[in-house]
């Protein structure tokens, strides 16, 4: 499912009363894949439950990020999320998620981690923090690992998004540059503007 998504909106530390309105704006502007972070577990789980009630799987591809424990994989699986993301590479956790039938996008940073993920059969990987590396890093990784695809996470903005795409990234998951941390209804106009900018940039890049 994630292989079809070039843009993922990260929702972090948002009160559940605001999350449905935020996602309605994202959907209206053309972003249908969302990652709810568990950096604040209480708010994260509440948001997941609210979104599951408000939207069908045909409307919204719902993932859960900052997953670092087996217990979180269990709960996310029970909630029926479509995919999970980890901040770093944990081979045991990747294997456990696969056993549960979960699509997983593990965080990687080094060639060794990429190799371990590929040996697990995972080819779509989260490169984090993407803005800490030179833009040619992914093209260099694709030399020995041509089957790997990378989603940029960390420091992706409206100004540099297309640079990541031009340098070989499959897409990006975007947090504060799209949906501010602890966003509320007051942020909806800015979120709509950000979403239009990212979707527009993606469309322009596809034509080039």
Protein backbone atom coordinates (compact mmCIF):
# COMPACT_ATOMS: atom_id res chain seq x y z
CA UNK A 1 0.00 0.00 0.00
CA UNK A 2 2.76 2.42 0.93
CA UNK A 3 4.46 1.92 -2.42
CA UNK A 4 1.60 3.92 -3.96
CA UNK A 5 1.99 6.86 -1.56
CA UNK A 6 4.52 9.59 -2.23
CA UNK A 7 3.21 11.92 0.48
CA UNK A 8 2.53 10.91 4.08
CA UNK A 9 1.30 13.44 6.64
CA UNK A 10 2.65 12.91 10.15
CA UNK A 11 0.26 13.82 12.97
CA UNK A 12 2.10 14.24 16.25
CA UNK A 13 0.85 15.18 19.73
CA UNK A 14 -2.57 16.29 18.45
CA UNK A 15 -5.62 16.17 20.70
CA UNK A 16 -8.16 13.70 19.29
CA UNK A 17 -10.90 16.34 19.17
CA UNK A 18 -9.01 18.07 16.35
CA UNK A 19 -7.70 15.15 14.33
CA UNK A 20 -10.77 14.45 12.21
CA UNK A 21 -10.93 18.04 11.00
CA UNK A 22 -7.23 18.00 10.18
CA UNK A 23 -7.52 14.82 8.14
CA UNK A 24 -10.60 16.11 6.33
CA UNK A 25 -8.49 19.05 5.14
CA UNK A 26 -5.66 16.74 4.06
CA UNK A 27 -8.05 14.51 2.12
CA UNK A 28 -9.66 17.48 0.44
CA UNK A 29 -6.24 18.70 -0.73
CA UNK A 30 -5.22 15.28 -2.08
CA UNK A 31 -3.26 13.62 0.75
CA UNK A 32 -4.84 10.32 1.74
CA UNK A 33 -2.03 8.68 3.73
CA UNK A 34 -1.49 9.65 7.36
CA UNK A 35 0.91 8.53 10.07
CA UNK A 36 -0.18 9.05 13.67
CA UNK A 37 2.88 9.17 15.92
CA UNK A 38 2.99 7.43 19.29
CA UNK A 39 5.50 9.95 20.63
CA UNK A 40 2.59 10.89 22.91
CA UNK A 41 0.95 7.46 23.28
CA UNK A 42 -2.26 8.61 24.98
CA UNK A 43 -3.02 11.20 22.33
CA UNK A 44 -1.76 8.94 19.54
CA UNK A 45 -4.06 6.04 20.36
CA UNK A 46 -7.00 8.39 20.85
CA UNK A 47 -6.36 9.88 17.39
CA UNK A 48 -6.13 6.45 15.80
CA UNK A 49 -9.47 5.43 17.29
CA UNK A 50 -11.11 8.69 16.21
CA UNK A 51 -9.85 8.31 12.65
CA UNK A 52 -10.95 4.68 12.46
CA UNK A 53 -14.47 5.79 13.42
CA UNK A 54 -14.54 8.70 10.99
CA UNK A 55 -13.04 7.24 7.82
CA UNK A 56 -13.15 3.98 5.90
CA UNK A 57 -10.06 2.22 4.58
CA UNK A 58 -11.08 3.31 1.09
CA UNK A 59 -10.90 6.94 2.20
CA UNK A 60 -7.80 6.93 4.38
CA UNK A 61 -4.59 4.91 4.57
CA UNK A 62 -3.80 5.05 8.27
CA UNK A 63 -0.37 4.25 9.65
CA UNK A 64 1.17 4.46 13.10
CA UNK A 65 4.66 5.81 13.72
CA UNK A 66 7.21 5.85 16.53
CA UNK A 67 6.48 2.18 17.17
CA UNK A 68 9.29 0.78 19.34
CA UNK A 69 7.78 -2.11 21.36
CA UNK A 70 6.06 -5.42 20.70
CA UNK A 71 3.14 -4.31 22.86
CA UNK A 72 2.63 -1.34 20.54
CA UNK A 73 2.66 -3.62 17.49
CA UNK A 74 0.01 -5.76 19.21
CA UNK A 75 -2.24 -2.83 20.00
CA UNK A 76 -1.85 -1.20 16.59
CA UNK A 77 -2.65 -4.53 14.93
CA UNK A 78 -5.79 -4.87 17.06
CA UNK A 79 -6.85 -1.35 16.08
CA UNK A 80 -6.60 -2.31 12.41
CA UNK A 81 -4.00 0.22 11.24
CA UNK A 82 -2.73 -0.27 7.69
CA UNK A 83 1.01 0.03 8.40
CA UNK A 84 3.56 0.94 11.04
CA UNK A 85 6.82 2.90 11.06
CA UNK A 86 9.75 2.63 13.44
CA UNK A 87 12.20 5.45 14.22
CA UNK A 88 15.22 3.14 13.98
CA UNK A 89 16.03 -0.37 12.81
CA UNK A 90 15.13 -3.18 15.22
CA UNK A 91 15.44 -6.53 13.48
CA UNK A 92 13.46 -8.40 16.12
CA UNK A 93 10.61 -5.89 15.97
CA UNK A 94 10.52 -6.02 12.17
CA UNK A 95 10.24 -9.79 12.30
CA UNK A 96 7.52 -9.62 14.93
CA UNK A 97 5.47 -7.15 12.88
CA UNK A 98 5.78 -9.42 9.85
CA UNK A 99 4.57 -12.37 11.93
CA UNK A 100 1.50 -10.28 12.82
CA UNK A 101 0.91 -9.59 9.13
CA UNK A 102 1.64 -5.86 9.49
CA UNK A 103 3.17 -3.80 6.71
CA UNK A 104 6.21 -2.13 8.27
CA UNK A 105 8.40 0.77 7.18
CA UNK A 106 11.49 0.51 9.39
CA UNK A 107 13.78 3.44 10.02
CA UNK A 108 17.29 3.01 8.57
CA UNK A 109 20.36 5.20 8.45
CA UNK A 110 23.34 3.00 7.51
CA UNK A 111 24.12 0.49 4.73
CA UNK A 112 24.18 -2.26 7.35
CA UNK A 113 20.63 -1.48 8.42
CA UNK A 114 19.47 -1.36 4.80
CA UNK A 115 21.01 -4.79 4.20
CA UNK A 116 19.29 -6.25 7.27
CA UNK A 117 15.93 -4.88 6.16
CA UNK A 118 16.32 -6.27 2.65
CA UNK A 119 17.20 -9.66 4.10
CA UNK A 120 13.85 -9.47 5.91
CA UNK A 121 12.14 -8.87 2.58
CA UNK A 122 11.41 -5.20 3.31
CA UNK A 123 12.28 -3.00 0.33
CA UNK A 124 10.52 0.27 1.21
CA UNK A 125 12.49 1.95 3.99
CA UNK A 126 12.28 5.12 6.05
CA UNK A 127 15.52 7.11 5.92
CA UNK A 128 15.73 9.12 9.12
CA UNK A 129 16.86 11.79 9.77
CA UNK A 130 16.98 12.53 6.05
CA UNK A 131 18.10 16.14 6.36
CA UNK A 132 21.27 15.09 8.21
CA UNK A 133 22.71 13.47 5.08
CA UNK A 134 23.91 14.78 1.72
CA UNK A 135 21.35 14.59 -1.07
CA UNK A 136 23.41 12.03 -3.00
CA UNK A 137 23.31 9.55 -0.09
CA UNK A 138 20.32 7.64 -1.46
CA UNK A 139 21.70 7.42 -4.99
CA UNK A 140 24.91 6.03 -3.47
CA UNK A 141 22.93 3.47 -1.44
CA UNK A 142 21.10 2.37 -4.55
CA UNK A 143 24.42 1.25 -6.03
CA UNK A 144 24.73 -1.89 -3.88
CA UNK A 145 21.00 -1.96 -3.02
CA UNK A 146 19.10 -1.19 -6.27
CA UNK A 147 15.94 -2.90 -5.00
CA UNK A 148 15.62 -0.54 -2.02
CA UNK A 149 13.26 2.44 -2.05
CA UNK A 150 13.47 5.22 0.52
CA UNK A 151 10.98 7.58 2.14
CA UNK A 152 12.56 10.76 3.50
CA UNK A 153 11.63 11.62 7.08
CA UNK A 154 13.08 14.49 9.09
CA UNK A 155 13.53 18.04 7.89
CA UNK A 156 11.37 17.80 4.74
CA UNK A 157 9.87 21.19 3.90
CA UNK A 158 7.96 22.85 1.10
CA UNK A 159 11.27 24.31 -0.10
CA UNK A 160 13.29 21.09 -0.29
CA UNK A 161 10.67 18.39 -0.95
CA UNK A 162 11.31 18.17 -4.68
CA UNK A 163 15.06 18.05 -4.06
CA UNK A 164 14.58 14.77 -2.20
CA UNK A 165 12.51 13.39 -5.08
CA UNK A 166 15.06 14.47 -7.68
CA UNK A 167 17.80 12.70 -5.75
CA UNK A 168 16.11 9.32 -5.76
CA UNK A 169 13.70 9.25 -2.83
CA UNK A 170 10.40 7.43 -3.41
CA UNK A 171 8.55 10.05 -1.35
CA UNK A 172 8.44 11.72 2.04
CA UNK A 173 6.62 11.62 5.36
CA UNK A 174 6.24 15.19 6.58
CA UNK A 175 5.55 16.40 10.09
CA UNK A 176 5.77 20.03 11.18
CA UNK A 177 6.20 21.30 7.64
CA UNK A 178 2.69 20.05 6.87
CA UNK A 179 0.81 19.53 10.16
CA UNK A 180 2.22 21.45 13.13
CA UNK A 181 2.87 19.57 16.34
CA UNK A 182 -0.16 19.92 18.70
CA UNK A 183 -2.22 21.34 15.81
CA UNK A 184 -5.74 22.60 16.50
CA UNK A 185 -8.60 23.98 14.41
CA UNK A 186 -6.75 27.30 14.32
CA UNK A 187 -4.08 25.63 12.17
CA UNK A 188 -6.47 24.33 9.50
CA UNK A 189 -5.90 27.17 6.98
CA UNK A 190 -2.11 26.74 7.24
CA UNK A 191 -2.42 22.96 6.90
CA UNK A 192 -4.53 23.38 3.76
CA UNK A 193 -1.98 25.78 2.30
CA UNK A 194 0.90 23.44 3.13
CA UNK A 195 -0.91 20.45 1.64
CA UNK A 196 -1.64 22.30 -1.60
CA UNK A 197 2.02 23.25 -1.87
CA UNK A 198 3.27 19.69 -1.37
CA UNK A 199 0.70 18.13 -3.70
CA UNK A 200 1.43 20.78 -6.32
CA UNK A 201 5.17 20.16 -6.07
CA UNK A 202 4.63 16.43 -6.43
CA UNK A 203 2.48 16.92 -9.52
CA UNK A 204 5.04 19.26 -11.08
CA UNK A 205 7.86 16.82 -10.38
CA UNK A 206 5.92 13.98 -12.00
CA UNK A 207 5.65 15.96 -15.24
CA UNK A 208 9.36 16.75 -15.45
